[in-house]
Amino acid sequence: VLTPMYFLFHSFNLPLFLLSILLYGLCGVAITAGYHRLYSHKAYKLNPVIEFFVLGFATLAMQGSAIKWAHDHRVHHTHLDTEKDPYSVTHGFWHAHMGWLFKPSIPFNAKSVADLFKNPLVRFQHQYYGWLVLATHLVVVRYVFLLSNDLFSTLYLVVLFRLLLLHHCTWFINSLAHVWGAKTYSR
């Protein structure tokens, strides 16, 4: 709805568009390398300073706290493509893509993410997630607005457009990647 309004009332702002793509990339890496590989699968360890930035950009991605995201992802891997999989493709493409968002959330089992509760940065992000989402967005909007002096374009491109792309990219992993492709992994 906002896209036609944006182009009707504003000229295209290439620097803001490029900045939103940069933020999209940083948030995407924070979700992929941080929430997925670091927290869900414990694939590596990270310097606390870098981890702070990963959590910051992941918070800006608005996909839940690292603890909640890792919890749901661990449940997904435990029950892959079965009835207990929270975003199983067996319920159809659209359910796996985003339909699962409109169902009651799966019961939270703190034991499955007990390792993450031991990490003070991750615990802090989980405890204050809502406030941190607000704070990260206020900081980004403030500084981008100071650079651009165009509040509507800042809100549209740097916040809404970026989040739209980022969420659908993440959801396509649940839907598209589970419909197409070979399953070369062992169950």
Protein backbone atom coordinates (compact mmCIF):
# COMPACT_ATOMS: atom_id res chain seq x y z
CA VAL A 1 0.00 0.00 0.00
CA LEU A 2 2.79 2.42 0.85
CA THR A 3 4.85 1.66 -2.25
CA PRO A 4 2.55 3.49 -4.70
CA MET A 5 2.20 6.35 -2.20
CA TYR A 6 5.95 6.55 -1.87
CA PHE A 7 6.47 6.84 -5.63
CA LEU A 8 3.52 9.24 -6.07
CA PHE A 9 4.65 11.72 -3.44
CA HIS A 10 8.42 11.23 -3.32
CA SER A 11 11.17 10.97 -5.83
CA PHE A 12 13.24 7.82 -5.52
CA ASN A 13 16.04 8.33 -3.00
CA LEU A 14 18.97 6.17 -4.13
CA PRO A 15 21.23 6.81 -1.10
CA LEU A 16 18.43 5.83 1.30
CA PHE A 17 17.62 2.78 -0.81
CA LEU A 18 21.27 1.71 -0.73
CA LEU A 19 21.43 2.32 3.02
CA SER A 20 18.33 0.18 3.52
CA ILE A 21 19.95 -2.60 1.46
CA LEU A 22 23.10 -2.31 3.60
CA LEU A 23 21.01 -2.57 6.79
CA TYR A 24 19.10 -5.48 5.23
CA GLY A 25 22.42 -7.25 4.64
CA LEU A 26 23.72 -6.59 8.15
CA CYS A 27 20.46 -7.78 9.72
CA GLY A 28 20.39 -10.82 7.42
CA VAL A 29 23.92 -11.79 8.42
CA ALA A 30 23.02 -11.29 12.08
CA ILE A 31 20.09 -13.70 11.69
CA THR A 32 21.97 -16.25 9.57
CA ALA A 33 25.36 -16.19 11.26
CA GLY A 34 24.10 -15.17 14.70
CA TYR A 35 20.67 -16.56 15.48
CA HIS A 36 21.00 -19.59 13.22
CA ARG A 37 24.60 -20.76 13.24
CA LEU A 38 25.89 -19.25 16.52
CA TYR A 39 22.91 -19.61 18.86
CA SER A 40 20.73 -22.35 17.37
CA HIS A 41 23.50 -24.71 16.29
CA LYS A 42 26.42 -23.55 18.46
CA ALA A 43 28.65 -23.77 15.37
CA TYR A 44 31.33 -21.40 16.70
CA LYS A 45 32.22 -18.95 19.47
CA LEU A 46 32.33 -15.21 19.03
CA ASN A 47 34.21 -12.30 20.57
CA PRO A 48 31.80 -10.49 22.96
CA VAL A 49 32.25 -7.16 21.14
CA ILE A 50 31.28 -8.71 17.78
CA GLU A 51 28.49 -10.63 19.53
CA PHE A 52 27.11 -7.31 20.82
CA PHE A 53 26.83 -6.02 17.24
CA VAL A 54 25.35 -9.31 16.00
CA LEU A 55 22.66 -9.10 18.68
CA GLY A 56 22.07 -5.43 17.86
CA PHE A 57 21.51 -6.03 14.16
CA ALA A 58 19.46 -9.17 14.88
CA THR A 59 17.28 -7.10 17.20
CA LEU A 60 16.88 -4.59 14.38
CA ALA A 61 15.66 -7.51 12.23
CA MET A 62 12.64 -7.93 14.53
CA GLN A 63 12.51 -11.74 14.44
CA GLY A 64 12.31 -12.25 18.19
CA SER A 65 15.03 -12.63 20.77
CA ALA A 66 17.97 -14.95 20.15
CA ILE A 67 16.63 -17.30 22.83
CA LYS A 68 13.12 -17.49 21.32
CA TRP A 69 14.44 -17.80 17.76
CA ALA A 70 16.92 -20.55 18.71
CA HIS A 71 14.27 -22.35 20.76
CA ASP A 72 11.83 -22.49 17.86
CA HIS A 73 14.58 -23.46 15.42
CA ARG A 74 15.79 -26.27 17.65
CA VAL A 75 12.20 -27.57 17.87
CA HIS A 76 12.02 -27.33 14.08
CA HIS A 77 15.16 -29.45 13.66
CA THR A 78 14.07 -31.94 16.30
CA HIS A 79 10.74 -32.53 14.54
CA LEU A 80 11.65 -31.63 10.94
CA ASP A 81 8.66 -31.78 8.56
CA THR A 82 6.42 -33.57 11.06
CA GLU A 83 3.29 -32.44 12.92
CA LYS A 84 5.43 -31.11 15.79
CA ASP A 85 7.52 -28.91 13.47
CA PRO A 86 6.25 -25.35 14.14
CA TYR A 87 6.67 -24.32 10.49
CA SER A 88 6.37 -27.65 8.72
CA VAL A 89 5.97 -27.64 4.96
CA THR A 90 3.69 -30.68 5.29
CA HIS A 91 0.88 -28.19 6.03
CA GLY A 92 1.56 -26.48 2.71
CA PHE A 93 3.82 -23.83 1.26
CA TRP A 94 1.98 -20.83 2.76
CA HIS A 95 1.87 -22.37 6.21
CA ALA A 96 5.63 -22.93 6.10
CA HIS A 97 6.20 -19.46 4.69
CA MET A 98 4.16 -17.39 7.13
CA GLY A 99 0.94 -19.17 8.10
CA TRP A 100 2.62 -20.50 11.25
CA LEU A 101 2.77 -16.91 12.54
CA PHE A 102 -1.02 -16.90 12.90
CA LYS A 103 -1.17 -20.03 15.05
CA PRO A 104 -0.57 -20.19 18.79
CA SER A 105 3.15 -20.28 19.50
CA ILE A 106 4.70 -23.56 20.51
CA PRO A 107 5.20 -24.13 24.25
CA PHE A 108 8.49 -22.67 25.42
CA ASN A 109 10.85 -25.22 26.95
CA ALA A 110 13.66 -23.31 28.69
CA LYS A 111 15.70 -26.53 29.04
CA SER A 112 16.24 -26.67 25.28
CA VAL A 113 17.99 -23.28 25.38
CA ALA A 114 19.57 -23.49 28.85
CA ASP A 115 22.98 -22.90 27.26
CA LEU A 116 21.79 -19.54 25.92
CA PHE A 117 20.46 -18.39 29.30
CA LYS A 118 24.05 -18.69 30.60
CA ASN A 119 25.19 -15.99 28.17
CA PRO A 120 24.64 -12.56 29.85
CA LEU A 121 24.36 -10.66 26.53
CA VAL A 122 21.80 -13.07 25.12
CA ARG A 123 19.88 -13.16 28.41
CA PHE A 124 19.79 -9.33 28.50
CA GLN A 125 18.55 -9.17 24.91
CA HIS A 126 15.82 -11.72 25.68
CA GLN A 127 14.72 -9.95 28.87
CA TYR A 128 14.54 -6.47 27.30
CA TYR A 129 13.79 -7.44 23.72
CA GLY A 130 10.81 -5.12 23.17
CA TRP A 131 12.66 -2.10 24.53
CA LEU A 132 15.75 -2.97 22.51
CA VAL A 133 13.70 -3.19 19.29
CA LEU A 134 12.34 0.27 20.00
CA ALA A 135 15.77 1.67 20.91
CA THR A 136 17.59 0.23 17.87
CA HIS A 137 14.92 1.56 15.52
CA LEU A 138 14.88 4.99 17.15
CA VAL A 139 18.67 5.23 16.80
CA VAL A 140 18.65 4.12 13.15
CA VAL A 141 15.70 6.34 12.19
CA ARG A 142 17.21 9.34 13.98
CA TYR A 143 20.60 9.12 12.33
CA VAL A 144 19.30 8.25 8.88
CA PHE A 145 16.78 11.11 9.11
CA LEU A 146 19.59 13.49 10.10
CA LEU A 147 21.47 12.40 6.97
CA SER A 148 18.50 12.50 4.61
CA ASN A 149 16.11 15.09 6.09
CA ASP A 150 13.29 12.94 4.66
CA LEU A 151 11.29 11.24 7.42
CA PHE A 152 8.76 9.44 5.19
CA SER A 153 11.48 7.90 3.00
CA THR A 154 13.49 6.97 6.09
CA LEU A 155 10.53 5.20 7.69
CA TYR A 156 9.46 3.55 4.47
CA LEU A 157 12.80 2.44 2.99
CA VAL A 158 15.00 1.95 6.05
CA VAL A 159 12.35 0.40 8.29
CA LEU A 160 9.31 -1.02 6.46
CA PHE A 161 10.85 -1.95 3.09
CA ARG A 162 13.92 -3.48 4.78
CA LEU A 163 11.78 -5.52 7.20
CA LEU A 164 9.49 -6.71 4.40
CA LEU A 165 12.45 -8.01 2.38
CA LEU A 166 14.22 -9.46 5.40
CA HIS A 167 11.23 -11.36 6.79
CA HIS A 168 10.22 -12.84 3.44
CA CYS A 169 13.81 -13.89 2.76
CA THR A 170 13.91 -15.68 6.13
CA TRP A 171 10.48 -17.24 5.58
CA PHE A 172 11.46 -18.51 2.13
CA ILE A 173 13.99 -20.72 3.88
CA ASN A 174 11.08 -22.35 5.75
CA SER A 175 8.88 -22.65 2.67
CA LEU A 176 10.76 -22.61 -0.62
CA ALA A 177 13.89 -24.38 0.62
CA HIS A 178 11.75 -27.18 2.06
CA VAL A 179 9.77 -27.62 -1.17
CA TRP A 180 12.60 -27.48 -3.73
CA GLY A 181 16.00 -29.05 -3.61
CA ALA A 182 17.56 -32.33 -2.62
CA LYS A 183 17.59 -33.56 0.98
CA THR A 184 21.18 -34.71 1.25
CA TYR A 185 21.26 -34.69 5.03
CA SER A 186 20.75 -37.65 7.31
CA ARG A 187 17.63 -37.80 9.48
